[in-house]
Amino acid sequence: MIDPRLLRTFLAVGREGSISGAARLLNISQPSVSVAIAQLERQLHASLFDRGRRGIALTPSGAVLMRRAEMIEVLLDDTPQAVMLTGQGIRGPLRIGGTPGALVSLVPAALARMGKADHMALHIIERGDAQLNELLQRGQIEVAVVTTGVEPTPDDIAERSIVRDPFALIVGRAHDALGPTVSLQDVTDMGWVLPHAGGAFRRQVEALFLAAEAPLPADVIHCDSLLTSMAIVRGGARITVLPRRVASSELSIGVLRAVPISGATVTRSIGIRTLADRPLSELGEQFLAAILALVA
């Protein structure tokens, strides 16, 4: 069994990129750090760092250990809180990550299905797709709620699509006369709110315009905040395109309206990513069951 203190020293060296940096971080001597790394390498029968004039870098074996050591670090850090919460009749903690649109599409409804009287400690964070993969691999989140089917996932991450959500033109009260359907070619010259280029959501928007054989709008406010985008559309004459579930709350109270798009159909798939070889906690399994129940 590996001593957790050795793993913490290994993590410090890997993160600082040097023995001296790790020693300063841990407030111990450099020889103590070197002895700990040598002991760990002997125990694992593997070289963990390549040492050169520019410093040290992880070997392939070191990279594998780094990922697992980060997961163990999170587990150890969470243990006191989990024990304390259990004593108070609270389950968790469960950490969920997601992209903004996917989170709002699935998480509120899933939590409602988990029961109002259920006591749990839940952390929800928003990140981009690449960051979510890294958080999963480090064990810093158990589940990522994402747009699925957009790009390949790493081999150690499993992706599962849960529900499909069609895009629609989203307008405010300034466009009450627009509809009942609309072609993107007819509204390209209007003022728009769209996400910045580069993300999965933006690529789906571009695919929608491509399918409609319409040019991307030029009069655009670029905004990655869904709440801000909907507020701009709600309060003025600009328009946007969103999956219906993303705007469901605003649509239900009539402050925004979804106009079906004719001549082009792009449907977003949303679902979850988890580590392929790591079982979920009991609370994580319940959260997954609640999401699956949404489509059942």
C-alpha atoms as a PDB file:
ATOM      1  CA  MET A   1       0.000   0.000   0.000  1.00  0.00           C
ATOM      2  CA  ILE A   2       1.309   3.448  -0.928  1.00  0.00           C
ATOM      3  CA  ASP A   3       1.771   5.928   1.888  1.00  0.00           C
ATOM      4  CA  PRO A   4      -0.518   8.948   1.183  1.00  0.00           C
ATOM      5  CA  ARG A   5       2.293  11.231   2.392  1.00  0.00           C
ATOM      6  CA  LEU A   6       4.471  10.003  -0.467  1.00  0.00           C
ATOM      7  CA  LEU A   7       1.679  10.734  -2.923  1.00  0.00           C
ATOM      8  CA  ARG A   8       1.280  14.274  -1.595  1.00  0.00           C
ATOM      9  CA  THR A   9       5.021  14.833  -2.041  1.00  0.00           C
ATOM     10  CA  PHE A  10       4.830  13.397  -5.565  1.00  0.00           C
ATOM     11  CA  LEU A  11       1.907  15.724  -6.379  1.00  0.00           C
ATOM     12  CA  ALA A  12       3.839  18.720  -5.109  1.00  0.00           C
ATOM     13  CA  VAL A  13       6.858  17.883  -7.299  1.00  0.00           C
ATOM     14  CA  GLY A  14       4.658  17.317 -10.336  1.00  0.00           C
ATOM     15  CA  ARG A  15       2.777  20.571  -9.860  1.00  0.00           C
ATOM     16  CA  GLU A  16       5.801  22.708  -9.011  1.00  0.00           C
ATOM     17  CA  GLY A  17       8.040  21.134 -11.637  1.00  0.00           C
ATOM     18  CA  SER A  18      11.023  20.919  -9.299  1.00  0.00           C
ATOM     19  CA  ILE A  19      12.276  19.370  -6.080  1.00  0.00           C
ATOM     20  CA  SER A  20      13.043  22.793  -4.628  1.00  0.00           C
ATOM     21  CA  GLY A  21       9.578  24.127  -5.451  1.00  0.00           C
ATOM     22  CA  ALA A  22       7.924  21.130  -3.818  1.00  0.00           C
ATOM     23  CA  ALA A  23      10.111  21.548  -0.725  1.00  0.00           C
ATOM     24  CA  ARG A  24       9.033  25.175  -0.380  1.00  0.00           C
ATOM     25  CA  LEU A  25       5.377  24.268  -0.902  1.00  0.00           C
ATOM     26  CA  LEU A  26       5.472  21.500   1.695  1.00  0.00           C
ATOM     27  CA  ASN A  27       7.826  23.376   4.040  1.00  0.00           C
ATOM     28  CA  ILE A  28      10.285  20.483   4.209  1.00  0.00           C
ATOM     29  CA  SER A  29      13.890  20.029   3.090  1.00  0.00           C
ATOM     30  CA  GLN A  30      14.875  19.199  -0.493  1.00  0.00           C
ATOM     31  CA  PRO A  31      16.609  15.959   0.575  1.00  0.00           C
ATOM     32  CA  SER A  32      13.350  14.847   2.232  1.00  0.00           C
ATOM     33  CA  VAL A  33      11.484  15.386  -1.040  1.00  0.00           C
ATOM     34  CA  SER A  34      14.142  13.504  -3.012  1.00  0.00           C
ATOM     35  CA  VAL A  35      14.055  10.579  -0.553  1.00  0.00           C
ATOM     36  CA  ALA A  36      10.238  10.411  -0.783  1.00  0.00           C
ATOM     37  CA  ILE A  37      10.282  10.319  -4.593  1.00  0.00           C
ATOM     38  CA  ALA A  38      13.030   7.678  -4.634  1.00  0.00           C
ATOM     39  CA  GLN A  39      11.064   5.568  -2.169  1.00  0.00           C
ATOM     40  CA  LEU A  40       7.938   5.844  -4.296  1.00  0.00           C
ATOM     41  CA  GLU A  41       9.843   4.887  -7.462  1.00  0.00           C
ATOM     42  CA  ARG A  42      11.322   1.828  -5.745  1.00  0.00           C
ATOM     43  CA  GLN A  43       7.921   0.787  -4.456  1.00  0.00           C
ATOM     44  CA  LEU A  44       6.297   1.109  -7.890  1.00  0.00           C
ATOM     45  CA  HIS A  45       9.319  -0.213  -9.839  1.00  0.00           C
ATOM     46  CA  ALA A  46       8.994   2.739 -12.216  1.00  0.00           C
ATOM     47  CA  SER A  47      10.690   6.016 -13.023  1.00  0.00           C
ATOM     48  CA  LEU A  48       8.253   8.854 -12.348  1.00  0.00           C
ATOM     49  CA  PHE A  49      10.216  11.887 -13.550  1.00  0.00           C
ATOM     50  CA  ASP A  50      12.622  12.691 -16.352  1.00  0.00           C
ATOM     51  CA  ARG A  51      15.360  14.926 -14.951  1.00  0.00           C
ATOM     52  CA  GLY A  52      17.091  17.444 -17.194  1.00  0.00           C
ATOM     53  CA  ARG A  53      18.785  20.823 -17.129  1.00  0.00           C
ATOM     54  CA  ARG A  54      15.433  22.571 -17.544  1.00  0.00           C
ATOM     55  CA  GLY A  55      13.926  20.801 -14.588  1.00  0.00           C
ATOM     56  CA  ILE A  56      11.860  17.656 -14.296  1.00  0.00           C
ATOM     57  CA  ALA A  57       8.885  16.342 -16.235  1.00  0.00           C
ATOM     58  CA  LEU A  58       6.533  13.438 -15.719  1.00  0.00           C
ATOM     59  CA  THR A  59       7.317  10.168 -17.450  1.00  0.00           C
ATOM     60  CA  PRO A  60       4.380   8.181 -18.895  1.00  0.00           C
ATOM     61  CA  SER A  61       4.306   6.192 -15.650  1.00  0.00           C
ATOM     62  CA  GLY A  62       4.399   9.430 -13.698  1.00  0.00           C
ATOM     63  CA  ALA A  63       1.473  10.822 -15.689  1.00  0.00           C
ATOM     64  CA  VAL A  64      -0.598   7.733 -14.858  1.00  0.00           C
ATOM     65  CA  LEU A  65       0.260   8.078 -11.176  1.00  0.00           C
ATOM     66  CA  MET A  66      -0.469  11.815 -11.235  1.00  0.00           C
ATOM     67  CA  ARG A  67      -4.042  11.252 -12.371  1.00  0.00           C
ATOM     68  CA  ARG A  68      -4.675   8.616  -9.717  1.00  0.00           C
ATOM     69  CA  ALA A  69      -2.893  10.588  -7.019  1.00  0.00           C
ATOM     70  CA  GLU A  70      -5.121  13.583  -7.733  1.00  0.00           C
ATOM     71  CA  MET A  71      -8.201  11.381  -7.351  1.00  0.00           C
ATOM     72  CA  ILE A  72      -6.882   9.991  -4.046  1.00  0.00           C
ATOM     73  CA  GLU A  73      -6.140  13.535  -2.863  1.00  0.00           C
ATOM     74  CA  VAL A  74      -9.726  14.588  -3.510  1.00  0.00           C
ATOM     75  CA  LEU A  75     -11.026  11.475  -1.746  1.00  0.00           C
ATOM     76  CA  LEU A  76      -8.854  12.095   1.308  1.00  0.00           C
ATOM     77  CA  ASP A  77      -9.797  15.774   1.421  1.00  0.00           C
ATOM     78  CA  ASP A  78     -13.509  14.920   1.168  1.00  0.00           C
ATOM     79  CA  THR A  79     -13.473  12.191   3.817  1.00  0.00           C
ATOM     80  CA  PRO A  80     -13.716  14.408   6.942  1.00  0.00           C
ATOM     81  CA  GLN A  81     -16.616  16.343   5.408  1.00  0.00           C
ATOM     82  CA  ALA A  82     -18.395  13.144   4.327  1.00  0.00           C
ATOM     83  CA  VAL A  83     -18.107  11.687   7.841  1.00  0.00           C
ATOM     84  CA  MET A  84     -19.341  14.937   9.409  1.00  0.00           C
ATOM     85  CA  LEU A  85     -22.279  15.167   6.996  1.00  0.00           C
ATOM     86  CA  THR A  86     -23.278  11.558   7.649  1.00  0.00           C
ATOM     87  CA  GLY A  87     -23.440  12.311  11.359  1.00  0.00           C
ATOM     88  CA  GLN A  88     -25.855  15.140  10.556  1.00  0.00           C
ATOM     89  CA  GLY A  89     -28.056  12.950   8.366  1.00  0.00           C
ATOM     90  CA  ILE A  90     -26.796  14.564   5.155  1.00  0.00           C
ATOM     91  CA  ARG A  91     -25.487  12.576   2.192  1.00  0.00           C
ATOM     92  CA  GLY A  92     -22.584  13.647   0.051  1.00  0.00           C
ATOM     93  CA  PRO A  93     -20.720  15.611  -0.947  1.00  0.00           C
ATOM     94  CA  LEU A  94     -21.492  15.105  -4.639  1.00  0.00           C
ATOM     95  CA  ARG A  95     -19.714  17.308  -7.163  1.00  0.00           C
ATOM     96  CA  ILE A  96     -21.288  17.851 -10.566  1.00  0.00           C
ATOM     97  CA  GLY A  97     -19.821  19.864 -13.416  1.00  0.00           C
ATOM     98  CA  GLY A  98     -21.367  20.922 -16.665  1.00  0.00           C
ATOM     99  CA  THR A  99     -21.656  23.386 -19.498  1.00  0.00           C
ATOM    100  CA  PRO A 100     -24.200  26.133 -18.763  1.00  0.00           C
ATOM    101  CA  GLY A 101     -26.860  25.074 -21.266  1.00  0.00           C
ATOM    102  CA  ALA A 102     -26.650  21.399 -20.389  1.00  0.00           C
ATOM    103  CA  LEU A 103     -26.825  22.086 -16.652  1.00  0.00           C
ATOM    104  CA  VAL A 104     -29.960  24.183 -16.888  1.00  0.00           C
ATOM    105  CA  SER A 105     -31.559  21.624 -19.225  1.00  0.00           C
ATOM    106  CA  LEU A 106     -31.164  18.605 -16.943  1.00  0.00           C
ATOM    107  CA  VAL A 107     -30.070  19.369 -13.398  1.00  0.00           C
ATOM    108  CA  PRO A 108     -33.049  21.309 -11.954  1.00  0.00           C
ATOM    109  CA  ALA A 109     -35.539  18.681 -13.123  1.00  0.00           C
ATOM    110  CA  ALA A 110     -33.305  15.838 -11.902  1.00  0.00           C
ATOM    111  CA  LEU A 111     -32.965  17.398  -8.450  1.00  0.00           C
ATOM    112  CA  ALA A 112     -36.731  17.830  -8.254  1.00  0.00           C
ATOM    113  CA  ARG A 113     -37.109  14.099  -8.864  1.00  0.00           C
ATOM    114  CA  MET A 114     -34.639  13.295  -6.099  1.00  0.00           C
ATOM    115  CA  GLY A 115     -37.135  14.599  -3.540  1.00  0.00           C
ATOM    116  CA  LYS A 116     -37.637  17.843  -1.648  1.00  0.00           C
ATOM    117  CA  ALA A 117     -37.088  16.214   1.735  1.00  0.00           C
ATOM    118  CA  ASP A 118     -33.780  14.650   0.809  1.00  0.00           C
ATOM    119  CA  HIS A 119     -30.821  16.183   2.665  1.00  0.00           C
ATOM    120  CA  MET A 120     -27.650  16.314   0.586  1.00  0.00           C
ATOM    121  CA  ALA A 121     -24.490  18.331   0.034  1.00  0.00           C
ATOM    122  CA  LEU A 122     -24.204  19.086  -3.676  1.00  0.00           C
ATOM    123  CA  HIS A 123     -21.689  21.244  -5.541  1.00  0.00           C
ATOM    124  CA  ILE A 124     -22.459  22.362  -9.122  1.00  0.00           C
ATOM    125  CA  ILE A 125     -19.839  24.145 -11.233  1.00  0.00           C
ATOM    126  CA  GLU A 126     -19.840  25.487 -14.797  1.00  0.00           C
ATOM    127  CA  ARG A 127     -16.869  24.835 -17.065  1.00  0.00           C
ATOM    128  CA  GLY A 128     -16.031  24.246 -20.714  1.00  0.00           C
ATOM    129  CA  ASP A 129     -15.899  20.745 -22.213  1.00  0.00           C
ATOM    130  CA  ALA A 130     -12.110  20.328 -22.050  1.00  0.00           C
ATOM    131  CA  GLN A 131     -11.997  21.545 -18.440  1.00  0.00           C
ATOM    132  CA  LEU A 132     -14.777  19.135 -17.477  1.00  0.00           C
ATOM    133  CA  ASN A 133     -12.805  16.209 -18.863  1.00  0.00           C
ATOM    134  CA  GLU A 134      -9.806  17.253 -16.760  1.00  0.00           C
ATOM    135  CA  LEU A 135     -11.950  17.593 -13.623  1.00  0.00           C
ATOM    136  CA  LEU A 136     -13.358  14.106 -14.185  1.00  0.00           C
ATOM    137  CA  GLN A 137      -9.902  12.646 -14.673  1.00  0.00           C
ATOM    138  CA  ARG A 138      -8.659  14.301 -11.482  1.00  0.00           C
ATOM    139  CA  GLY A 139     -11.637  13.060  -9.492  1.00  0.00           C
ATOM    140  CA  GLN A 140     -12.761  16.606  -8.716  1.00  0.00           C
ATOM    141  CA  ILE A 141     -16.236  15.918 -10.090  1.00  0.00           C
ATOM    142  CA  GLU A 142     -18.155  12.640 -10.415  1.00  0.00           C
ATOM    143  CA  VAL A 143     -20.492  13.588 -13.246  1.00  0.00           C
ATOM    144  CA  ALA A 144     -20.286  16.090 -16.098  1.00  0.00           C
ATOM    145  CA  VAL A 145     -23.533  17.233 -17.730  1.00  0.00           C
ATOM    146  CA  VAL A 146     -22.695  18.201 -21.308  1.00  0.00           C
ATOM    147  CA  THR A 147     -23.722  18.472 -24.919  1.00  0.00           C
ATOM    148  CA  THR A 148     -22.972  15.017 -26.284  1.00  0.00           C
ATOM    149  CA  GLY A 149     -21.926  13.696 -29.675  1.00  0.00           C
ATOM    150  CA  VAL A 150     -20.015  16.840 -30.644  1.00  0.00           C
ATOM    151  CA  GLU A 151     -16.448  15.577 -30.387  1.00  0.00           C
ATOM    152  CA  PRO A 152     -14.625  12.386 -29.340  1.00  0.00           C
ATOM    153  CA  THR A 153     -14.012  11.867 -25.631  1.00  0.00           C
ATOM    154  CA  PRO A 154     -10.808  10.522 -24.043  1.00  0.00           C
ATOM    155  CA  ASP A 155     -10.584   6.737 -23.731  1.00  0.00           C
ATOM    156  CA  ASP A 156     -11.022   6.822 -19.968  1.00  0.00           C
ATOM    157  CA  ILE A 157     -14.257   8.850 -20.101  1.00  0.00           C
ATOM    158  CA  ALA A 158     -17.674   7.355 -20.907  1.00  0.00           C
ATOM    159  CA  GLU A 159     -20.293   9.581 -22.555  1.00  0.00           C
ATOM    160  CA  ARG A 160     -24.016   8.833 -22.525  1.00  0.00           C
ATOM    161  CA  SER A 161     -26.722  10.804 -24.364  1.00  0.00           C
ATOM    162  CA  ILE A 162     -29.927  11.285 -22.380  1.00  0.00           C
ATOM    163  CA  VAL A 163     -32.276  13.577 -24.284  1.00  0.00           C
ATOM    164  CA  ARG A 164     -32.496  15.457 -27.572  1.00  0.00           C
ATOM    165  CA  ASP A 165     -33.450  19.128 -27.646  1.00  0.00           C
ATOM    166  CA  PRO A 166     -34.274  20.990 -30.899  1.00  0.00           C
ATOM    167  CA  PHE A 167     -33.044  24.510 -31.553  1.00  0.00           C
ATOM    168  CA  ALA A 168     -35.589  27.299 -32.078  1.00  0.00           C
ATOM    169  CA  LEU A 169     -35.444  31.010 -32.747  1.00  0.00           C
ATOM    170  CA  ILE A 170     -35.873  32.764 -29.394  1.00  0.00           C
ATOM    171  CA  VAL A 171     -37.458  36.242 -29.456  1.00  0.00           C
ATOM    172  CA  GLY A 172     -38.837  38.797 -27.012  1.00  0.00           C
ATOM    173  CA  ARG A 173     -42.094  40.735 -27.030  1.00  0.00           C
ATOM    174  CA  ALA A 174     -40.676  43.135 -29.631  1.00  0.00           C
ATOM    175  CA  HIS A 175     -41.257  40.388 -32.199  1.00  0.00           C
ATOM    176  CA  ASP A 176     -44.780  39.270 -31.304  1.00  0.00           C
ATOM    177  CA  ALA A 177     -45.709  39.450 -35.000  1.00  0.00           C
ATOM    178  CA  LEU A 178     -42.906  37.087 -36.080  1.00  0.00           C
ATOM    179  CA  GLY A 179     -43.924  33.541 -37.008  1.00  0.00           C
ATOM    180  CA  PRO A 180     -45.578  31.072 -36.810  1.00  0.00           C
ATOM    181  CA  THR A 181     -42.373  29.693 -38.378  1.00  0.00           C
ATOM    182  CA  VAL A 182     -39.332  31.503 -39.693  1.00  0.00           C
ATOM    183  CA  SER A 183     -36.503  30.860 -42.134  1.00  0.00           C
ATOM    184  CA  LEU A 184     -33.009  31.832 -41.001  1.00  0.00           C
ATOM    185  CA  GLN A 185     -32.429  33.527 -44.362  1.00  0.00           C
ATOM    186  CA  ASP A 186     -35.260  35.948 -43.534  1.00  0.00           C
ATOM    187  CA  VAL A 187     -33.808  37.053 -40.181  1.00  0.00           C
ATOM    188  CA  THR A 188     -30.038  37.007 -40.817  1.00  0.00           C
ATOM    189  CA  ASP A 189     -29.932  40.803 -41.162  1.00  0.00           C
ATOM    190  CA  MET A 190     -31.591  41.375 -37.783  1.00  0.00           C
ATOM    191  CA  GLY A 191     -29.684  42.045 -34.565  1.00  0.00           C
ATOM    192  CA  TRP A 192     -28.529  38.836 -32.874  1.00  0.00           C
ATOM    193  CA  VAL A 193     -27.006  37.492 -29.674  1.00  0.00           C
ATOM    194  CA  LEU A 194     -24.738  34.475 -30.241  1.00  0.00           C
ATOM    195  CA  PRO A 195     -22.005  32.630 -28.323  1.00  0.00           C
ATOM    196  CA  HIS A 196     -18.331  33.258 -29.060  1.00  0.00           C
ATOM    197  CA  ALA A 197     -16.602  31.011 -31.580  1.00  0.00           C
ATOM    198  CA  GLY A 198     -14.741  27.967 -30.347  1.00  0.00           C
ATOM    199  CA  GLY A 199     -17.137  26.158 -28.046  1.00  0.00           C
ATOM    200  CA  ALA A 200     -19.349  23.149 -28.740  1.00  0.00           C
ATOM    201  CA  PHE A 201     -22.494  25.271 -28.472  1.00  0.00           C
ATOM    202  CA  ARG A 202     -21.209  27.738 -31.080  1.00  0.00           C
ATOM    203  CA  ARG A 203     -20.334  24.893 -33.450  1.00  0.00           C
ATOM    204  CA  GLN A 204     -23.919  23.662 -33.262  1.00  0.00           C
ATOM    205  CA  VAL A 205     -25.225  27.156 -34.004  1.00  0.00           C
ATOM    206  CA  GLU A 206     -22.927  27.323 -37.024  1.00  0.00           C
ATOM    207  CA  ALA A 207     -24.211  23.919 -38.141  1.00  0.00           C
ATOM    208  CA  LEU A 208     -27.762  25.262 -37.948  1.00  0.00           C
ATOM    209  CA  PHE A 209     -26.967  28.182 -40.264  1.00  0.00           C
ATOM    210  CA  LEU A 210     -25.049  25.866 -42.584  1.00  0.00           C
ATOM    211  CA  ALA A 211     -28.018  23.491 -42.804  1.00  0.00           C
ATOM    212  CA  ALA A 212     -30.274  26.449 -43.615  1.00  0.00           C
ATOM    213  CA  GLU A 213     -27.789  27.678 -46.256  1.00  0.00           C
ATOM    214  CA  ALA A 214     -27.847  31.044 -44.504  1.00  0.00           C
ATOM    215  CA  PRO A 215     -24.810  33.248 -43.736  1.00  0.00           C
ATOM    216  CA  LEU A 216     -23.882  33.888 -40.146  1.00  0.00           C
ATOM    217  CA  PRO A 217     -25.263  37.255 -38.962  1.00  0.00           C
ATOM    218  CA  ALA A 218     -22.956  40.290 -38.914  1.00  0.00           C
ATOM    219  CA  ASP A 219     -24.869  42.434 -36.399  1.00  0.00           C
ATOM    220  CA  VAL A 220     -24.040  40.287 -33.372  1.00  0.00           C
ATOM    221  CA  ILE A 221     -23.478  40.691 -29.654  1.00  0.00           C
ATOM    222  CA  HIS A 222     -21.193  37.802 -28.729  1.00  0.00           C
ATOM    223  CA  CYS A 223     -22.044  36.501 -25.262  1.00  0.00           C
ATOM    224  CA  ASP A 224     -21.295  33.168 -23.585  1.00  0.00           C
ATOM    225  CA  SER A 225     -23.621  33.782 -20.614  1.00  0.00           C
ATOM    226  CA  LEU A 226     -27.006  32.216 -21.300  1.00  0.00           C
ATOM    227  CA  LEU A 227     -28.718  34.311 -18.626  1.00  0.00           C
ATOM    228  CA  THR A 228     -27.300  37.520 -20.086  1.00  0.00           C
ATOM    229  CA  SER A 229     -28.132  36.477 -23.646  1.00  0.00           C
ATOM    230  CA  MET A 230     -31.753  35.784 -22.743  1.00  0.00           C
ATOM    231  CA  ALA A 231     -31.999  39.035 -20.786  1.00  0.00           C
ATOM    232  CA  ILE A 232     -30.771  40.993 -23.819  1.00  0.00           C
ATOM    233  CA  VAL A 233     -33.319  39.282 -26.067  1.00  0.00           C
ATOM    234  CA  ARG A 234     -36.083  39.690 -23.493  1.00  0.00           C
ATOM    235  CA  GLY A 235     -35.492  43.404 -23.065  1.00  0.00           C
ATOM    236  CA  GLY A 236     -34.941  44.475 -26.657  1.00  0.00           C
ATOM    237  CA  ALA A 237     -35.264  43.645 -30.337  1.00  0.00           C
ATOM    238  CA  ARG A 238     -32.354  41.233 -30.690  1.00  0.00           C
ATOM    239  CA  ILE A 239     -32.920  37.537 -31.322  1.00  0.00           C
ATOM    240  CA  THR A 240     -31.011  34.341 -30.715  1.00  0.00           C
ATOM    241  CA  VAL A 241     -31.175  30.600 -31.273  1.00  0.00           C
ATOM    242  CA  LEU A 242     -31.266  28.221 -28.331  1.00  0.00           C
ATOM    243  CA  PRO A 243     -32.358  24.686 -27.546  1.00  0.00           C
ATOM    244  CA  ARG A 244     -35.895  24.879 -26.141  1.00  0.00           C
ATOM    245  CA  ARG A 245     -34.949  23.329 -22.785  1.00  0.00           C
ATOM    246  CA  VAL A 246     -32.377  26.040 -22.147  1.00  0.00           C
ATOM    247  CA  ALA A 247     -35.056  28.739 -22.311  1.00  0.00           C
ATOM    248  CA  SER A 248     -37.890  26.651 -20.841  1.00  0.00           C
ATOM    249  CA  SER A 249     -38.411  28.827 -17.734  1.00  0.00           C
ATOM    250  CA  GLU A 250     -38.667  32.057 -19.732  1.00  0.00           C
ATOM    251  CA  LEU A 251     -40.838  30.384 -22.365  1.00  0.00           C
ATOM    252  CA  SER A 252     -43.234  29.026 -19.732  1.00  0.00           C
ATOM    253  CA  ILE A 253     -44.001  32.499 -18.315  1.00  0.00           C
ATOM    254  CA  GLY A 254     -44.253  34.154 -21.723  1.00  0.00           C
ATOM    255  CA  VAL A 255     -41.362  36.628 -21.495  1.00  0.00           C
ATOM    256  CA  LEU A 256     -39.668  34.841 -24.389  1.00  0.00           C
ATOM    257  CA  ARG A 257     -41.148  32.958 -27.317  1.00  0.00           C
ATOM    258  CA  ALA A 258     -39.768  30.067 -29.361  1.00  0.00           C
ATOM    259  CA  VAL A 259     -40.398  30.294 -33.094  1.00  0.00           C
ATOM    260  CA  PRO A 260     -39.850  27.035 -35.037  1.00  0.00           C
ATOM    261  CA  ILE A 261     -37.178  27.304 -37.722  1.00  0.00           C
ATOM    262  CA  SER A 262     -38.215  26.136 -41.173  1.00  0.00           C
ATOM    263  CA  GLY A 263     -35.849  24.651 -43.717  1.00  0.00           C
ATOM    264  CA  ALA A 264     -33.237  23.488 -41.206  1.00  0.00           C
ATOM    265  CA  THR A 265     -33.213  21.204 -38.215  1.00  0.00           C
ATOM    266  CA  VAL A 266     -30.389  20.820 -35.719  1.00  0.00           C
ATOM    267  CA  THR A 267     -31.078  18.963 -32.511  1.00  0.00           C
ATOM    268  CA  ARG A 268     -28.741  19.112 -29.566  1.00  0.00           C
ATOM    269  CA  SER A 269     -28.107  15.924 -27.607  1.00  0.00           C
ATOM    270  CA  ILE A 270     -27.416  16.386 -23.916  1.00  0.00           C
ATOM    271  CA  GLY A 271     -26.276  13.803 -21.419  1.00  0.00           C
ATOM    272  CA  ILE A 272     -23.503  12.901 -19.032  1.00  0.00           C
ATOM    273  CA  ARG A 273     -19.846  11.973 -18.895  1.00  0.00           C
ATOM    274  CA  THR A 274     -18.298   9.867 -16.154  1.00  0.00           C
ATOM    275  CA  LEU A 275     -14.979   8.120 -15.661  1.00  0.00           C
ATOM    276  CA  ALA A 276     -15.225   4.767 -17.415  1.00  0.00           C
ATOM    277  CA  ASP A 277     -13.476   2.786 -14.668  1.00  0.00           C
ATOM    278  CA  ARG A 278     -14.744   4.595 -11.571  1.00  0.00           C
ATOM    279  CA  PRO A 279     -18.082   3.653  -9.957  1.00  0.00           C
ATOM    280  CA  LEU A 280     -20.312   6.496  -8.825  1.00  0.00           C
ATOM    281  CA  SER A 281     -21.055   7.157  -5.188  1.00  0.00           C
ATOM    282  CA  GLU A 282     -24.504   6.264  -3.843  1.00  0.00           C
ATOM    283  CA  LEU A 283     -25.634   9.868  -4.240  1.00  0.00           C
ATOM    284  CA  GLY A 284     -24.102   9.995  -7.713  1.00  0.00           C
ATOM    285  CA  GLU A 285     -26.046   6.880  -8.704  1.00  0.00           C
ATOM    286  CA  GLN A 286     -29.259   8.460  -7.426  1.00  0.00           C
ATOM    287  CA  PHE A 287     -28.566  11.614  -9.414  1.00  0.00           C
ATOM    288  CA  LEU A 288     -27.959   9.544 -12.555  1.00  0.00           C
ATOM    289  CA  ALA A 289     -31.190   7.584 -11.963  1.00  0.00           C
ATOM    290  CA  ALA A 290     -33.096  10.869 -11.635  1.00  0.00           C
ATOM    291  CA  ILE A 291     -31.695  12.112 -14.964  1.00  0.00           C
ATOM    292  CA  LEU A 292     -32.580   8.836 -16.697  1.00  0.00           C
ATOM    293  CA  ALA A 293     -36.102   9.073 -15.270  1.00  0.00           C
ATOM    294  CA  LEU A 294     -36.590  12.333 -17.175  1.00  0.00           C
ATOM    295  CA  VAL A 295     -36.705  10.451 -20.458  1.00  0.00           C
ATOM    296  CA  ALA A 296     -38.466   7.361 -19.077  1.00  0.00           C
END
